Every structure is written in structure tokens, then in C-alpha cells.
PDB file of N, CA and C in Angstrom:
ATOM      1  N   MET A   1      -6.380 100.186   6.963  1.00  0.00           N
ATOM      2  CA  MET A   1      -5.088 100.409   6.344  1.00  0.00           C
ATOM      3  C   MET A   1      -4.952  99.440   5.167  1.00  0.00           C
ATOM      4  N   SER A   2      -4.443  99.922   4.067  1.00  0.00           N
ATOM      5  CA  SER A   2      -4.323  99.117   2.853  1.00  0.00           C
ATOM      6  C   SER A   2      -3.114  98.207   2.929  1.00  0.00           C
ATOM      7  N   SER A   3      -3.270  97.008   2.355  1.00  0.00           N
ATOM      8  CA  SER A   3      -2.140  96.087   2.308  1.00  0.00           C
ATOM      9  C   SER A   3      -1.529  96.076   0.915  1.00  0.00           C
ATOM     10  N   LYS A   4      -1.852  97.111   0.096  1.00  0.00           N
ATOM     11  CA  LYS A   4      -1.305  97.186  -1.250  1.00  0.00           C
ATOM     12  C   LYS A   4       0.194  97.375  -1.200  1.00  0.00           C
ATOM     13  N   LYS A   5       0.810  96.782  -2.170  1.00  0.00           N
ATOM     14  CA  LYS A   5       2.258  96.933  -2.320  1.00  0.00           C
ATOM     15  C   LYS A   5       2.529  98.361  -2.831  1.00  0.00           C
ATOM     16  N   PRO A   6       3.528  99.082  -2.271  1.00  0.00           N
ATOM     17  CA  PRO A   6       3.807 100.432  -2.757  1.00  0.00           C
ATOM     18  C   PRO A   6       4.208 100.413  -4.220  1.00  0.00           C
ATOM     19  N   LYS A   7       3.788 101.459  -4.936  1.00  0.00           N
ATOM     20  CA  LYS A   7       4.201 101.587  -6.334  1.00  0.00           C
ATOM     21  C   LYS A   7       5.704 101.771  -6.397  1.00  0.00           C
ATOM     22  N   THR A   8       6.291 101.237  -7.442  1.00  0.00           N
ATOM     23  CA  THR A   8       7.710 101.498  -7.646  1.00  0.00           C
ATOM     24  C   THR A   8       7.827 102.855  -8.312  1.00  0.00           C
ATOM     25  N   THR A   9       8.872 103.556  -7.981  1.00  0.00           N
ATOM     26  CA  THR A   9       9.089 104.880  -8.548  1.00  0.00           C
ATOM     27  C   THR A   9      10.411 104.898  -9.280  1.00  0.00           C
ATOM     28  N   PRO A  10      10.524 105.791 -10.260  1.00  0.00           N
ATOM     29  CA  PRO A  10      11.816 105.903 -10.937  1.00  0.00           C
ATOM     30  C   PRO A  10      12.910 106.228  -9.936  1.00  0.00           C
ATOM     31  N   LYS A  11      14.128 105.821 -10.264  1.00  0.00           N
ATOM     32  CA  LYS A  11      15.242 106.037  -9.342  1.00  0.00           C
ATOM     33  C   LYS A  11      15.341 107.495  -8.889  1.00  0.00           C
ATOM     34  N   SER A  12      15.059 108.424  -9.782  1.00  0.00           N
ATOM     35  CA  SER A  12      15.175 109.835  -9.418  1.00  0.00           C
ATOM     36  C   SER A  12      14.150 110.254  -8.365  1.00  0.00           C
ATOM     37  N   ARG A  13      13.146 109.405  -8.140  1.00  0.00           N
ATOM     38  CA  ARG A  13      12.118 109.750  -7.162  1.00  0.00           C
ATOM     39  C   ARG A  13      12.175 108.869  -5.926  1.00  0.00           C
ATOM     40  N   GLN A  14      13.179 108.047  -5.788  1.00  0.00           N
ATOM     41  CA  GLN A  14      13.332 107.223  -4.590  1.00  0.00           C
ATOM     42  C   GLN A  14      13.635 108.124  -3.402  1.00  0.00           C
ATOM     43  N   PRO A  15      13.192 107.750  -2.208  1.00  0.00           N
ATOM     44  CA  PRO A  15      13.505 108.578  -1.036  1.00  0.00           C
ATOM     45  C   PRO A  15      15.005 108.808  -0.907  1.00  0.00           C
ATOM     46  N   GLY A  16      15.360 110.064  -0.737  1.00  0.00           N
ATOM     47  CA  GLY A  16      16.769 110.413  -0.537  1.00  0.00           C
ATOM     48  C   GLY A  16      17.590 110.488  -1.809  1.00  0.00           C
ATOM     49  N   SER A  17      16.979 110.225  -2.972  1.00  0.00           N
ATOM     50  CA  SER A  17      17.754 110.241  -4.213  1.00  0.00           C
ATOM     51  C   SER A  17      17.993 111.674  -4.682  1.00  0.00           C
ATOM     52  N   GLY A  18      18.980 111.850  -5.528  1.00  0.00           N
ATOM     53  CA  GLY A  18      19.253 113.148  -6.104  1.00  0.00           C
ATOM     54  C   GLY A  18      19.913 114.129  -5.163  1.00  0.00           C
ATOM     55  N   LYS A  19      20.475 113.668  -4.087  1.00  0.00           N
ATOM     56  CA  LYS A  19      21.021 114.576  -3.098  1.00  0.00           C
ATOM     57  C   LYS A  19      22.520 114.389  -2.883  1.00  0.00           C
ATOM     58  N   ALA A  20      23.178 113.691  -3.803  1.00  0.00           N
ATOM     59  CA  ALA A  20      24.599 113.369  -3.614  1.00  0.00           C
ATOM     60  C   ALA A  20      25.454 114.611  -3.412  1.00  0.00           C
ATOM     61  N   GLU A  21      25.136 115.698  -4.118  1.00  0.00           N
ATOM     62  CA  GLU A  21      25.971 116.884  -4.025  1.00  0.00           C
ATOM     63  C   GLU A  21      25.610 117.778  -2.837  1.00  0.00           C
ATOM     64  N   ARG A  22      24.471 117.552  -2.230  1.00  0.00           N
ATOM     65  CA  ARG A  22      23.993 118.465  -1.196  1.00  0.00           C
ATOM     66  C   ARG A  22      25.012 118.706  -0.081  1.00  0.00           C
ATOM     67  N   TYR A  23      25.685 117.660   0.348  1.00  0.00           N
ATOM     68  CA  TYR A  23      26.589 117.799   1.488  1.00  0.00           C
ATOM     69  C   TYR A  23      28.064 117.692   1.109  1.00  0.00           C
ATOM     70  N   ILE A  24      28.374 117.877  -0.159  1.00  0.00           N
ATOM     71  CA  ILE A  24      29.774 117.828  -0.594  1.00  0.00           C
ATOM     72  C   ILE A  24      30.565 119.003   0.010  1.00  0.00           C
ATOM     73  N   GLN A  25      30.029 120.215  -0.104  1.00  0.00           N
ATOM     74  CA  GLN A  25      30.779 121.361   0.416  1.00  0.00           C
ATOM     75  C   GLN A  25      31.017 121.284   1.923  1.00  0.00           C
ATOM     76  N   PRO A  26      29.991 121.003   2.733  1.00  0.00           N
ATOM     77  CA  PRO A  26      30.303 120.898   4.164  1.00  0.00           C
ATOM     78  C   PRO A  26      31.251 119.735   4.465  1.00  0.00           C
ATOM     79  N   SER A  27      31.167 118.672   3.675  1.00  0.00           N
ATOM     80  CA  SER A  27      32.091 117.548   3.871  1.00  0.00           C
ATOM     81  C   SER A  27      33.525 117.976   3.587  1.00  0.00           C
ATOM     82  N   LEU A  28      33.717 118.701   2.496  1.00  0.00           N
ATOM     83  CA  LEU A  28      35.061 119.200   2.182  1.00  0.00           C
ATOM     84  C   LEU A  28      35.550 120.168   3.248  1.00  0.00           C
ATOM     85  N   LEU A  29      34.666 121.038   3.707  1.00  0.00           N
ATOM     86  CA  LEU A  29      35.056 122.001   4.750  1.00  0.00           C
ATOM     87  C   LEU A  29      35.466 121.278   6.039  1.00  0.00           C
ATOM     88  N   LEU A  30      34.699 120.255   6.429  1.00  0.00           N
ATOM     89  CA  LEU A  30      35.047 119.506   7.640  1.00  0.00           C
ATOM     90  C   LEU A  30      36.373 118.779   7.479  1.00  0.00           C
ATOM     91  N   ALA A  31      36.556 118.152   6.315  1.00  0.00           N
ATOM     92  CA  ALA A  31      37.823 117.449   6.069  1.00  0.00           C
ATOM     93  C   ALA A  31      38.996 118.418   6.159  1.00  0.00           C
ATOM     94  N   LEU A  32      38.816 119.625   5.620  1.00  0.00           N
ATOM     95  CA  LEU A  32      39.897 120.617   5.672  1.00  0.00           C
ATOM     96  C   LEU A  32      40.050 121.228   7.052  1.00  0.00           C
ATOM     97  N   LYS A  33      38.992 121.221   7.846  1.00  0.00           N
ATOM     98  CA  LYS A  33      39.114 121.685   9.235  1.00  0.00           C
ATOM     99  C   LYS A  33      40.020 120.724  10.005  1.00  0.00           C
ATOM    100  N   ARG A  34      39.896 119.440   9.678  1.00  0.00           N
ATOM    101  CA  ARG A  34      40.731 118.425  10.330  1.00  0.00           C
ATOM    102  C   ARG A  34      42.201 118.597   9.970  1.00  0.00           C
ATOM    103  N   LYS A  35      42.472 118.858   8.662  1.00  0.00           N
ATOM    104  CA  LYS A  35      43.863 119.081   8.230  1.00  0.00           C
ATOM    105  C   LYS A  35      43.887 119.539   6.779  1.00  0.00           C
ATOM    106  N   PRO A  36      44.861 120.369   6.421  1.00  0.00           N
ATOM    107  CA  PRO A  36      45.019 120.737   5.004  1.00  0.00           C
ATOM    108  C   PRO A  36      45.247 119.463   4.185  1.00  0.00           C
ATOM    109  N   SER A  37      44.781 119.487   2.949  1.00  0.00           N
ATOM    110  CA  SER A  37      44.848 118.262   2.165  1.00  0.00           C
ATOM    111  C   SER A  37      44.804 118.587   0.674  1.00  0.00           C
ATOM    112  N   TYR A  38      45.029 117.573  -0.136  1.00  0.00           N
ATOM    113  CA  TYR A  38      44.959 117.707  -1.587  1.00  0.00           C
ATOM    114  C   TYR A  38      43.751 116.921  -2.101  1.00  0.00           C
ATOM    115  N   GLY A  39      43.391 117.153  -3.367  1.00  0.00           N
ATOM    116  CA  GLY A  39      42.157 116.623  -3.937  1.00  0.00           C
ATOM    117  C   GLY A  39      41.900 115.153  -3.722  1.00  0.00           C
ATOM    118  N   TYR A  40      42.841 114.293  -4.119  1.00  0.00           N
ATOM    119  CA  TYR A  40      42.611 112.852  -4.019  1.00  0.00           C
ATOM    120  C   TYR A  40      42.398 112.432  -2.560  1.00  0.00           C
ATOM    121  N   GLU A  41      43.179 112.985  -1.669  1.00  0.00           N
ATOM    122  CA  GLU A  41      43.040 112.665  -0.248  1.00  0.00           C
ATOM    123  C   GLU A  41      41.673 113.128   0.270  1.00  0.00           C
ATOM    124  N   LEU A  42      41.202 114.280  -0.202  1.00  0.00           N
ATOM    125  CA  LEU A  42      39.883 114.775   0.188  1.00  0.00           C
ATOM    126  C   LEU A  42      38.776 113.846  -0.302  1.00  0.00           C
ATOM    127  N   ILE A  43      38.924 113.343  -1.515  1.00  0.00           N
ATOM    128  CA  ILE A  43      37.939 112.418  -2.063  1.00  0.00           C
ATOM    129  C   ILE A  43      37.843 111.186  -1.163  1.00  0.00           C
ATOM    130  N   GLN A  44      38.980 110.665  -0.734  1.00  0.00           N
ATOM    131  CA  GLN A  44      38.992 109.504   0.153  1.00  0.00           C
ATOM    132  C   GLN A  44      38.364 109.840   1.503  1.00  0.00           C
ATOM    133  N   GLU A  45      38.711 110.993   2.043  1.00  0.00           N
ATOM    134  CA  GLU A  45      38.220 111.411   3.366  1.00  0.00           C
ATOM    135  C   GLU A  45      36.711 111.583   3.380  1.00  0.00           C
ATOM    136  N   ILE A  46      36.176 112.314   2.411  1.00  0.00           N
ATOM    137  CA  ILE A  46      34.738 112.583   2.468  1.00  0.00           C
ATOM    138  C   ILE A  46      33.900 111.339   2.181  1.00  0.00           C
ATOM    139  N   SER A  47      34.469 110.350   1.546  1.00  0.00           N
ATOM    140  CA  SER A  47      33.705 109.118   1.328  1.00  0.00           C
ATOM    141  C   SER A  47      33.371 108.439   2.649  1.00  0.00           C
ATOM    142  N   THR A  48      34.140 108.708   3.698  1.00  0.00           N
ATOM    143  CA  THR A  48      33.881 108.104   5.013  1.00  0.00           C
ATOM    144  C   THR A  48      32.719 108.788   5.732  1.00  0.00           C
ATOM    145  N   PHE A  49      32.273 109.943   5.251  1.00  0.00           N
ATOM    146  CA  PHE A  49      31.186 110.679   5.911  1.00  0.00           C
ATOM    147  C   PHE A  49      29.810 110.109   5.576  1.00  0.00           C
ATOM    148  N   GLY A  50      29.721 109.296   4.522  1.00  0.00           N
ATOM    149  CA  GLY A  50      28.482 108.603   4.205  1.00  0.00           C
ATOM    150  C   GLY A  50      27.467 109.359   3.379  1.00  0.00           C
ATOM    151  N   PHE A  51      27.785 110.539   2.861  1.00  0.00           N
ATOM    152  CA  PHE A  51      26.821 111.285   2.050  1.00  0.00           C
ATOM    153  C   PHE A  51      26.839 110.891   0.581  1.00  0.00           C
ATOM    154  N   VAL A  52      27.946 110.326   0.134  1.00  0.00           N
ATOM    155  CA  VAL A  52      28.073 109.906  -1.262  1.00  0.00           C
ATOM    156  C   VAL A  52      28.384 108.419  -1.266  1.00  0.00           C
ATOM    157  N   GLU A  53      27.628 107.673  -2.068  1.00  0.00           N
ATOM    158  CA  GLU A  53      27.903 106.244  -2.166  1.00  0.00           C
ATOM    159  C   GLU A  53      29.131 106.048  -3.044  1.00  0.00           C
ATOM    160  N   GLY A  54      30.058 105.236  -2.573  1.00  0.00           N
ATOM    161  CA  GLY A  54      31.281 105.000  -3.337  1.00  0.00           C
ATOM    162  C   GLY A  54      32.183 106.221  -3.309  1.00  0.00           C
ATOM    163  N   GLN A  55      33.008 106.332  -4.321  1.00  0.00           N
ATOM    164  CA  GLN A  55      33.955 107.434  -4.393  1.00  0.00           C
ATOM    165  C   GLN A  55      33.291 108.617  -5.095  1.00  0.00           C
ATOM    166  N   ALA A  56      33.454 109.797  -4.519  1.00  0.00           N
ATOM    167  CA  ALA A  56      32.913 111.006  -5.138  1.00  0.00           C
ATOM    168  C   ALA A  56      33.630 111.260  -6.465  1.00  0.00           C
ATOM    169  N   PRO A  57      32.899 111.707  -7.472  1.00  0.00           N
ATOM    170  CA  PRO A  57      33.531 111.990  -8.763  1.00  0.00           C
ATOM    171  C   PRO A  57      34.560 113.115  -8.638  1.00  0.00           C
ATOM    172  N   PRO A  58      35.790 112.865  -9.059  1.00  0.00           N
ATOM    173  CA  PRO A  58      36.841 113.894  -8.934  1.00  0.00           C
ATOM    174  C   PRO A  58      36.456 115.235  -9.562  1.00  0.00           C
ATOM    175  N   GLY A  59      35.819 115.213 -10.728  1.00  0.00           N
ATOM    176  CA  GLY A  59      35.426 116.468 -11.368  1.00  0.00           C
ATOM    177  C   GLY A  59      34.518 117.303 -10.488  1.00  0.00           C
ATOM    178  N   MET A  60      33.573 116.650  -9.813  1.00  0.00           N
ATOM    179  CA  MET A  60      32.658 117.353  -8.915  1.00  0.00           C
ATOM    180  C   MET A  60      33.421 117.941  -7.734  1.00  0.00           C
ATOM    181  N   ILE A  61      34.351 117.180  -7.184  1.00  0.00           N
ATOM    182  CA  ILE A  61      35.116 117.648  -6.024  1.00  0.00           C
ATOM    183  C   ILE A  61      35.956 118.864  -6.390  1.00  0.00           C
ATOM    184  N   TYR A  62      36.670 118.780  -7.510  1.00  0.00           N
ATOM    185  CA  TYR A  62      37.523 119.900  -7.910  1.00  0.00           C
ATOM    186  C   TYR A  62      36.693 121.127  -8.279  1.00  0.00           C
ATOM    187  N   ARG A  63      35.494 120.939  -8.833  1.00  0.00           N
ATOM    188  CA  ARG A  63      34.616 122.064  -9.122  1.00  0.00           C
ATOM    189  C   ARG A  63      34.213 122.755  -7.825  1.00  0.00           C
ATOM    190  N   HIS A  64      33.849 121.970  -6.806  1.00  0.00           N
ATOM    191  CA  HIS A  64      33.485 122.551  -5.511  1.00  0.00           C
ATOM    192  C   HIS A  64      34.686 123.253  -4.869  1.00  0.00           C
ATOM    193  N   LEU A  65      35.848 122.641  -4.963  1.00  0.00           N
ATOM    194  CA  LEU A  65      37.038 123.279  -4.384  1.00  0.00           C
ATOM    195  C   LEU A  65      37.325 124.620  -5.066  1.00  0.00           C
ATOM    196  N   ARG A  66      37.199 124.670  -6.386  1.00  0.00           N
ATOM    197  CA  ARG A  66      37.405 125.949  -7.106  1.00  0.00           C
ATOM    198  C   ARG A  66      36.373 126.987  -6.666  1.00  0.00           C
ATOM    199  N   ASP A  67      35.104 126.569  -6.590  1.00  0.00           N
ATOM    200  CA  ASP A  67      34.047 127.491  -6.159  1.00  0.00           C
ATOM    201  C   ASP A  67      34.318 128.003  -4.743  1.00  0.00           C
ATOM    202  N   MET A  68      34.698 127.104  -3.858  1.00  0.00           N
ATOM    203  CA  MET A  68      34.950 127.501  -2.469  1.00  0.00           C
ATOM    204  C   MET A  68      36.169 128.412  -2.376  1.00  0.00           C
ATOM    205  N   GLU A  69      37.145 128.180  -3.232  1.00  0.00           N
ATOM    206  CA  GLU A  69      38.313 129.063  -3.232  1.00  0.00           C
ATOM    207  C   GLU A  69      37.917 130.459  -3.741  1.00  0.00           C
ATOM    208  N   GLU A  70      37.093 130.512  -4.783  1.00  0.00           N
ATOM    209  CA  GLU A  70      36.610 131.802  -5.298  1.00  0.00           C
ATOM    210  C   GLU A  70      35.804 132.556  -4.245  1.00  0.00           C
ATOM    211  N   ASN A  71      35.082 131.810  -3.395  1.00  0.00           N
ATOM    212  CA  ASN A  71      34.282 132.424  -2.329  1.00  0.00           C
ATOM    213  C   ASN A  71      35.113 132.792  -1.102  1.00  0.00           C
ATOM    214  N   GLY A  72      36.376 132.376  -1.076  1.00  0.00           N
ATOM    215  CA  GLY A  72      37.242 132.698   0.053  1.00  0.00           C
ATOM    216  C   GLY A  72      37.125 131.728   1.217  1.00  0.00           C
ATOM    217  N   TRP A  73      36.482 130.582   0.998  1.00  0.00           N
ATOM    218  CA  TRP A  73      36.300 129.607   2.085  1.00  0.00           C
ATOM    219  C   TRP A  73      37.505 128.710   2.247  1.00  0.00           C
ATOM    220  N   VAL A  74      38.248 128.501   1.173  1.00  0.00           N
ATOM    221  CA  VAL A  74      39.490 127.709   1.216  1.00  0.00           C
ATOM    222  C   VAL A  74      40.542 128.468   0.426  1.00  0.00           C
ATOM    223  N   GLN A  75      41.766 128.130   0.680  1.00  0.00           N
ATOM    224  CA  GLN A  75      42.867 128.655  -0.124  1.00  0.00           C
ATOM    225  C   GLN A  75      43.776 127.485  -0.458  1.00  0.00           C
ATOM    226  N   SER A  76      44.523 127.649  -1.538  1.00  0.00           N
ATOM    227  CA  SER A  76      45.384 126.543  -1.949  1.00  0.00           C
ATOM    228  C   SER A  76      46.745 127.069  -2.396  1.00  0.00           C
ATOM    229  N   GLU A  77      47.687 126.157  -2.380  1.00  0.00           N
ATOM    230  CA  GLU A  77      49.014 126.448  -2.918  1.00  0.00           C
ATOM    231  C   GLU A  77      49.617 125.135  -3.381  1.00  0.00           C
ATOM    232  N   TRP A  78      50.523 125.257  -4.334  1.00  0.00           N
ATOM    233  CA  TRP A  78      51.181 124.060  -4.867  1.00  0.00           C
ATOM    234  C   TRP A  78      52.315 123.639  -3.939  1.00  0.00           C
ATOM    235  N   HIS A  79      52.394 122.348  -3.685  1.00  0.00           N
ATOM    236  CA  HIS A  79      53.478 121.762  -2.892  1.00  0.00           C
ATOM    237  C   HIS A  79      54.194 120.744  -3.764  1.00  0.00           C
ATOM    238  N   THR A  80      55.502 120.789  -3.706  1.00  0.00           N
ATOM    239  CA  THR A  80      56.280 119.768  -4.398  1.00  0.00           C
ATOM    240  C   THR A  80      56.947 118.910  -3.339  1.00  0.00           C
ATOM    241  N   GLU A  81      56.910 117.649  -3.572  1.00  0.00           N
ATOM    242  CA  GLU A  81      57.543 116.708  -2.650  1.00  0.00           C
ATOM    243  C   GLU A  81      58.766 116.134  -3.338  1.00  0.00           C
ATOM    244  N   GLU A  82      59.556 115.410  -2.602  1.00  0.00           N
ATOM    245  CA  GLU A  82      60.780 114.828  -3.161  1.00  0.00           C
ATOM    246  C   GLU A  82      60.484 113.942  -4.368  1.00  0.00           C
ATOM    247  N   ALA A  83      59.438 113.137  -4.275  1.00  0.00           N
ATOM    248  CA  ALA A  83      59.087 112.246  -5.376  1.00  0.00           C
ATOM    249  C   ALA A  83      57.649 112.537  -5.805  1.00  0.00           C
ATOM    250  N   GLY A  84      57.372 112.376  -7.064  1.00  0.00           N
ATOM    251  CA  GLY A  84      56.013 112.540  -7.553  1.00  0.00           C
ATOM    252  C   GLY A  84      55.720 113.951  -8.013  1.00  0.00           C
ATOM    253  N   PRO A  85      54.546 114.103  -8.603  1.00  0.00           N
ATOM    254  CA  PRO A  85      54.164 115.421  -9.126  1.00  0.00           C
ATOM    255  C   PRO A  85      53.781 116.398  -8.010  1.00  0.00           C
ATOM    256  N   ALA A  86      53.754 117.669  -8.374  1.00  0.00           N
ATOM    257  CA  ALA A  86      53.318 118.701  -7.419  1.00  0.00           C
ATOM    258  C   ALA A  86      51.843 118.486  -7.107  1.00  0.00           C
ATOM    259  N   LYS A  87      51.438 118.844  -5.892  1.00  0.00           N
ATOM    260  CA  LYS A  87      50.046 118.690  -5.462  1.00  0.00           C
ATOM    261  C   LYS A  87      49.538 120.042  -4.975  1.00  0.00           C
ATOM    262  N   ARG A  88      48.303 120.328  -5.328  1.00  0.00           N
ATOM    263  CA  ARG A  88      47.661 121.546  -4.817  1.00  0.00           C
ATOM    264  C   ARG A  88      47.079 121.199  -3.448  1.00  0.00           C
ATOM    265  N   ILE A  89      47.580 121.858  -2.419  1.00  0.00           N
ATOM    266  CA  ILE A  89      47.127 121.613  -1.048  1.00  0.00           C
ATOM    267  C   ILE A  89      46.112 122.700  -0.673  1.00  0.00           C
ATOM    268  N   TYR A  90      44.962 122.257  -0.196  1.00  0.00           N
ATOM    269  CA  TYR A  90      43.881 123.165   0.207  1.00  0.00           C
ATOM    270  C   TYR A  90      43.864 123.267   1.721  1.00  0.00           C
ATOM    271  N   GLN A  91      43.527 124.454   2.196  1.00  0.00           N
ATOM    272  CA  GLN A  91      43.323 124.620   3.629  1.00  0.00           C
ATOM    273  C   GLN A  91      42.133 125.545   3.865  1.00  0.00           C
ATOM    274  N   LEU A  92      41.517 125.390   5.004  1.00  0.00           N
ATOM    275  CA  LEU A  92      40.336 126.141   5.384  1.00  0.00           C
ATOM    276  C   LEU A  92      40.735 127.557   5.798  1.00  0.00           C
ATOM    277  N   THR A  93      39.924 128.538   5.403  1.00  0.00           N
ATOM    278  CA  THR A  93      40.142 129.915   5.843  1.00  0.00           C
ATOM    279  C   THR A  93      39.206 130.204   7.017  1.00  0.00           C
ATOM    280  N   ASP A  94      39.370 131.364   7.627  1.00  0.00           N
ATOM    281  CA  ASP A  94      38.467 131.759   8.712  1.00  0.00           C
ATOM    282  C   ASP A  94      37.027 131.844   8.215  1.00  0.00           C
ATOM    283  N   GLU A  95      36.852 132.374   7.007  1.00  0.00           N
ATOM    284  CA  GLU A  95      35.508 132.454   6.435  1.00  0.00           C
ATOM    285  C   GLU A  95      34.949 131.048   6.194  1.00  0.00           C
ATOM    286  N   GLY A  96      35.799 130.116   5.788  1.00  0.00           N
ATOM    287  CA  GLY A  96      35.367 128.737   5.602  1.00  0.00           C
ATOM    288  C   GLY A  96      34.929 128.101   6.906  1.00  0.00           C
ATOM    289  N   ARG A  97      35.621 128.424   7.990  1.00  0.00           N
ATOM    290  CA  ARG A  97      35.219 127.906   9.311  1.00  0.00           C
ATOM    291  C   ARG A  97      33.839 128.434   9.683  1.00  0.00           C
ATOM    292  N   GLU A  98      33.600 129.706   9.376  1.00  0.00           N
ATOM    293  CA  GLU A  98      32.307 130.311   9.674  1.00  0.00           C
ATOM    294  C   GLU A  98      31.197 129.645   8.848  1.00  0.00           C
ATOM    295  N   ILE A  99      31.463 129.416   7.565  1.00  0.00           N
ATOM    296  CA  ILE A  99      30.477 128.749   6.703  1.00  0.00           C
ATOM    297  C   ILE A  99      30.206 127.336   7.209  1.00  0.00           C
ATOM    298  N   LEU A 100      31.254 126.625   7.630  1.00  0.00           N
ATOM    299  CA  LEU A 100      31.065 125.288   8.186  1.00  0.00           C
ATOM    300  C   LEU A 100      30.191 125.336   9.431  1.00  0.00           C
ATOM    301  N   SER A 101      30.374 126.335  10.273  1.00  0.00           N
ATOM    302  CA  SER A 101      29.528 126.489  11.459  1.00  0.00           C
ATOM    303  C   SER A 101      28.066 126.684  11.074  1.00  0.00           C
ATOM    304  N   PHE A 102      27.821 127.473  10.021  1.00  0.00           N
ATOM    305  CA  PHE A 102      26.443 127.642   9.541  1.00  0.00           C
ATOM    306  C   PHE A 102      25.882 126.315   9.052  1.00  0.00           C
ATOM    307  N   TRP A 103      26.689 125.549   8.314  1.00  0.00           N
ATOM    308  CA  TRP A 103      26.260 124.241   7.828  1.00  0.00           C
ATOM    309  C   TRP A 103      25.914 123.320   8.995  1.00  0.00           C
ATOM    310  N   ILE A 104      26.759 123.326  10.013  1.00  0.00           N
ATOM    311  CA  ILE A 104      26.527 122.440  11.165  1.00  0.00           C
ATOM    312  C   ILE A 104      25.236 122.820  11.871  1.00  0.00           C
ATOM    313  N   ALA A 105      24.978 124.117  12.032  1.00  0.00           N
ATOM    314  CA  ALA A 105      23.731 124.564  12.666  1.00  0.00           C
ATOM    315  C   ALA A 105      22.528 124.105  11.836  1.00  0.00           C
ATOM    316  N   TYR A 106      22.627 124.249  10.519  1.00  0.00           N
ATOM    317  CA  TYR A 106      21.550 123.809   9.629  1.00  0.00           C
ATOM    318  C   TYR A 106      21.328 122.303   9.734  1.00  0.00           C
ATOM    319  N   MET A 107      22.416 121.532   9.689  1.00  0.00           N
ATOM    320  CA  MET A 107      22.313 120.081   9.744  1.00  0.00           C
ATOM    321  C   MET A 107      21.765 119.622  11.091  1.00  0.00           C
ATOM    322  N   ASP A 108      22.151 120.295  12.154  1.00  0.00           N
ATOM    323  CA  ASP A 108      21.645 119.969  13.482  1.00  0.00           C
ATOM    324  C   ASP A 108      20.139 120.206  13.549  1.00  0.00           C
ATOM    325  N   GLN A 109      19.696 121.315  12.986  1.00  0.00           N
ATOM    326  CA  GLN A 109      18.270 121.616  12.944  1.00  0.00           C
ATOM    327  C   GLN A 109      17.516 120.566  12.122  1.00  0.00           C
ATOM    328  N   GLN A 110      18.074 120.177  10.974  1.00  0.00           N
ATOM    329  CA  GLN A 110      17.450 119.157  10.142  1.00  0.00           C
ATOM    330  C   GLN A 110      17.394 117.815  10.866  1.00  0.00           C
ATOM    331  N   ALA A 111      18.456 117.467  11.567  1.00  0.00           N
ATOM    332  CA  ALA A 111      18.488 116.200  12.308  1.00  0.00           C
ATOM    333  C   ALA A 111      17.400 116.179  13.378  1.00  0.00           C
ATOM    334  N   ARG A 112      17.189 117.304  14.066  1.00  0.00           N
ATOM    335  CA  ARG A 112      16.131 117.368  15.074  1.00  0.00           C
ATOM    336  C   ARG A 112      14.751 117.224  14.442  1.00  0.00           C
ATOM    337  N   LYS A 113      14.548 117.875  13.295  1.00  0.00           N
ATOM    338  CA  LYS A 113      13.259 117.752  12.599  1.00  0.00           C
ATOM    339  C   LYS A 113      13.023 116.313  12.164  1.00  0.00           C
ATOM    340  N   LEU A 114      14.051 115.670  11.644  1.00  0.00           N
ATOM    341  CA  LEU A 114      13.909 114.276  11.219  1.00  0.00           C
ATOM    342  C   LEU A 114      13.620 113.372  12.409  1.00  0.00           C
ATOM    343  N   ALA A 115      14.307 113.572  13.514  1.00  0.00           N
ATOM    344  CA  ALA A 115      14.072 112.752  14.712  1.00  0.00           C
ATOM    345  C   ALA A 115      12.640 112.935  15.204  1.00  0.00           C
ATOM    346  N   ASP A 116      12.161 114.184  15.211  1.00  0.00           N
ATOM    347  CA  ASP A 116      10.773 114.453  15.632  1.00  0.00           C
ATOM    348  C   ASP A 116       9.788 113.768  14.692  1.00  0.00           C
ATOM    349  N   PHE A 117      10.052 113.838  13.406  1.00  0.00           N
ATOM    350  CA  PHE A 117       9.169 113.223  12.407  1.00  0.00           C
ATOM    351  C   PHE A 117       9.105 111.708  12.612  1.00  0.00           C
ATOM    352  N   ILE A 118      10.261 111.097  12.810  1.00  0.00           N
ATOM    353  CA  ILE A 118      10.331 109.653  13.033  1.00  0.00           C
ATOM    354  C   ILE A 118       9.589 109.274  14.313  1.00  0.00           C
ATOM    355  N   ALA A 119       9.752 110.084  15.362  1.00  0.00           N
ATOM    356  CA  ALA A 119       9.056 109.829  16.615  1.00  0.00           C
ATOM    357  C   ALA A 119       7.537 109.910  16.417  1.00  0.00           C
ATOM    358  N   MET A 120       7.078 110.880  15.644  1.00  0.00           N
ATOM    359  CA  MET A 120       5.625 111.006  15.374  1.00  0.00           C
ATOM    360  C   MET A 120       5.119 109.790  14.595  1.00  0.00           C
ATOM    361  N   TYR A 121       5.920 109.339  13.644  1.00  0.00           N
ATOM    362  CA  TYR A 121       5.551 108.145  12.877  1.00  0.00           C
ATOM    363  C   TYR A 121       5.425 106.936  13.792  1.00  0.00           C
ATOM    364  N   LYS A 122       6.428 106.728  14.624  1.00  0.00           N
ATOM    365  CA  LYS A 122       6.425 105.568  15.518  1.00  0.00           C
ATOM    366  C   LYS A 122       5.273 105.644  16.513  1.00  0.00           C
ATOM    367  N   ALA A 123       4.943 106.846  16.955  1.00  0.00           N
ATOM    368  CA  ALA A 123       3.834 107.015  17.893  1.00  0.00           C
ATOM    369  C   ALA A 123       2.490 106.714  17.232  1.00  0.00           C
ATOM    370  N   SER A 124       2.423 106.847  15.919  1.00  0.00           N
ATOM    371  CA  SER A 124       1.148 106.603  15.217  1.00  0.00           C
ATOM    372  C   SER A 124       0.947 105.137  14.871  1.00  0.00           C
ATOM    373  N   GLU A 125       1.947 104.308  15.090  1.00  0.00           N
ATOM    374  CA  GLU A 125       1.787 102.887  14.772  1.00  0.00           C
ATOM    375  C   GLU A 125       1.025 102.144  15.820  1.00  0.00           C
TER     376      GLU A 125
END
């Protein structure tokens, strides 16, 4: 076995890099499954899921919300409160729940593959 130091790779080629958007939609769907919400609150909520480092870019979140609304996965309506500006509140649709179930099945399958891969690695040491 070689004791060479691994080559450094550009940031875009680091393990796990370039995947920030991959789990944005299922994260938004899960957050909306928990409760209807508005954009800024969703940004805060999905940051706790650990798929995006720091705060997700608002433009990316609103783009995904628009796409999901066009697909029928979420619906929105404007709410006005006593103080402050009106907020667009998003909620999950039945189709969105179904899409989230597909995402969860996919993620569960990926998690099992990763666990198996890690176990094979550890067994080879």
C-alpha cells in the first residue's frame, strides 16, 4: 500500500461537492409536510436538515417553490397579517406527499448502498 499523500483536487471535484441543490426539493417538501410555511421560514427550516451548508440562497429556494407549484406538488396563497407585509404561504398537496414518498424511498435505498459500501471498506482494512 502506498504512503503517498493524496493529490489535491479542485473544489468542484472534492467528495460530495456540487450537490447542494440535489436535496433542496425533498427538503422543502418535508418542511411543508410538517406545516404550511412561507419562503424565509422554509429557508431557516431546511438549513437544519444538513444538505446545504449555511443558509440556502433565497433565489434558489423560490425557484424550486415556483417549479414545485407548477408541477402541482405545492400550492400557495397570500396571507396578510396585522403587521408587516403580505406573505406567500406554501402548503403540500397530495401529489407533493406522493413525490416526497418517492424521494424517501430513493434516499433510503441510497443510504443502504452507502452503508454497505462503508462496511465493505472497513472489512478490507
